[in-house]
Each structure stands twice: as structure tokens, then as C-alpha cells.
Amino acid sequence: MDGNPDNGKQELHQLIEQLPADQVPAALQYMHYLCADPVLLSLLNAPPDDEPYTEAQREHDAEAEASIARGDGISHAEVLREFHQ
């Protein structure tokens, strides 16, 4: 590809014609992804959080997971009821 957008689009059209039928859904999904909202794309492509995971965070997460395992959490239905009151 020589950098000319028109030539690139022409090459894409040629590749689409060569695409096996079972790959069309994946290609279509990827094309929709490439044409998506730029803010969404920036969020999807953001680097992972590089801040250290502290011992305090680990303890808090372990407490939360234990609470959920005990059934102490609030159900989705209950949360929705609170919002619709």
C-alpha cells in the first residue's frame, strides 16, 4: 500500500471479495469497531492501569469478595427498586 487512502480502500474492496463467507461476520464487526465513536475507541484502546495494586486494595477486595460469597451483597433487582422509588 502506497499511503494513498483511495488505493487503500480499493485494496480493502479486493480483500473483501476474497474473504471466505464464514469470516464475513468477524470482518464486519471489526469494520464497525474501526468506525465507532472516537471517544469509545480511545477508552477501548487505553493502556491498562499502571498504578501499583496496594496491600490495602487487596484486603478491601478480599473483604468484598468474601461478603459476596456469604450472600451479603445487594441484588440487582433491589438496586433497581431503589432507583425507581
Protein backbone atom coordinates (compact mmCIF):
# COMPACT_ATOMS: atom_id res chain seq x y z
CA MET A 1 0.00 0.00 0.00
CA ASP A 2 1.43 3.38 -1.02
CA GLY A 3 -0.26 5.61 1.57
CA ASN A 4 -2.92 6.88 -0.81
CA PRO A 5 -6.28 6.42 1.01
CA ASP A 6 -8.09 5.72 -2.27
CA ASN A 7 -5.66 2.90 -3.12
CA GLY A 8 -6.08 1.53 0.40
CA LYS A 9 -9.85 1.49 0.03
CA GLN A 10 -9.50 -0.24 -3.31
CA GLU A 11 -7.28 -2.88 -1.70
CA LEU A 12 -9.87 -3.32 1.08
CA HIS A 13 -12.58 -3.91 -1.52
CA GLN A 14 -10.40 -6.56 -3.18
CA LEU A 15 -9.75 -8.28 0.13
CA ILE A 16 -13.45 -8.25 0.99
CA GLU A 17 -14.20 -10.02 -2.29
CA GLN A 18 -11.65 -12.72 -1.39
CA LEU A 19 -12.94 -13.15 2.14
CA PRO A 20 -14.40 -16.58 2.97
CA ALA A 21 -18.10 -16.36 3.85
CA ASP A 22 -17.55 -17.65 7.37
CA GLN A 23 -15.18 -14.74 8.07
CA VAL A 24 -17.60 -12.01 6.98
CA PRO A 25 -19.20 -11.52 10.44
CA ALA A 26 -15.80 -11.03 12.09
CA ALA A 27 -14.65 -8.62 9.39
CA LEU A 28 -17.91 -6.68 9.63
CA GLN A 29 -17.61 -6.43 13.40
CA TYR A 30 -14.04 -5.16 13.07
CA MET A 31 -15.06 -2.56 10.48
CA HIS A 32 -17.81 -1.31 12.80
CA TYR A 33 -15.20 -1.12 15.55
CA LEU A 34 -12.89 0.98 13.35
CA CYS A 35 -15.75 3.37 12.51
CA ALA A 36 -17.00 3.71 16.09
CA ASP A 37 -17.16 6.82 18.21
CA PRO A 38 -13.62 8.18 18.73
CA VAL A 39 -14.20 8.56 22.48
CA LEU A 40 -15.24 4.92 22.73
CA LEU A 41 -12.19 3.88 20.70
CA SER A 42 -9.88 5.85 22.98
CA LEU A 43 -11.36 4.11 26.02
CA LEU A 44 -11.13 0.67 24.42
CA ASN A 45 -7.51 1.27 23.40
CA ALA A 46 -6.40 2.92 26.64
CA PRO A 47 -3.38 1.33 28.30
CA PRO A 48 -4.00 -0.74 31.40
CA ASP A 49 -3.83 0.93 34.78
CA ASP A 50 -0.14 1.01 35.69
CA GLU A 51 -0.54 2.11 39.31
CA PRO A 52 0.58 -0.47 41.84
CA TYR A 53 -2.07 -2.68 43.42
CA THR A 54 -1.58 -1.98 47.11
CA GLU A 55 -1.98 -4.35 50.03
CA ALA A 56 -4.84 -2.20 51.31
CA GLN A 57 -6.64 -2.62 47.97
CA ARG A 58 -6.06 -6.38 48.08
CA GLU A 59 -7.53 -6.56 51.58
CA HIS A 60 -10.53 -4.46 50.59
CA ASP A 61 -11.16 -6.61 47.51
CA ALA A 62 -10.84 -9.81 49.55
CA GLU A 63 -13.38 -8.46 52.06
CA ALA A 64 -15.77 -7.55 49.24
CA GLU A 65 -15.43 -10.97 47.60
CA ALA A 66 -16.00 -12.71 50.94
CA SER A 67 -19.10 -10.58 51.51
CA ILE A 68 -20.48 -11.59 48.13
CA ALA A 69 -19.67 -15.25 48.80
CA ARG A 70 -21.63 -15.03 52.08
CA GLY A 71 -24.60 -13.57 50.20
CA ASP A 72 -24.30 -10.18 51.89
CA GLY A 73 -24.46 -8.30 48.58
CA ILE A 74 -27.41 -6.32 47.28
CA SER A 75 -29.26 -7.96 44.42
CA HIS A 76 -29.58 -6.23 41.08
CA ALA A 77 -33.35 -6.21 41.49
CA GLU A 78 -33.04 -4.44 44.85
CA VAL A 79 -30.77 -1.78 43.39
CA LEU A 80 -33.25 -1.18 40.57
CA ARG A 81 -36.11 -0.87 43.09
CA GLU A 82 -34.13 1.82 44.95
CA PHE A 83 -33.67 3.82 41.76
CA HIS A 84 -37.32 3.57 40.75
CA GLN A 85 -38.82 4.74 44.03
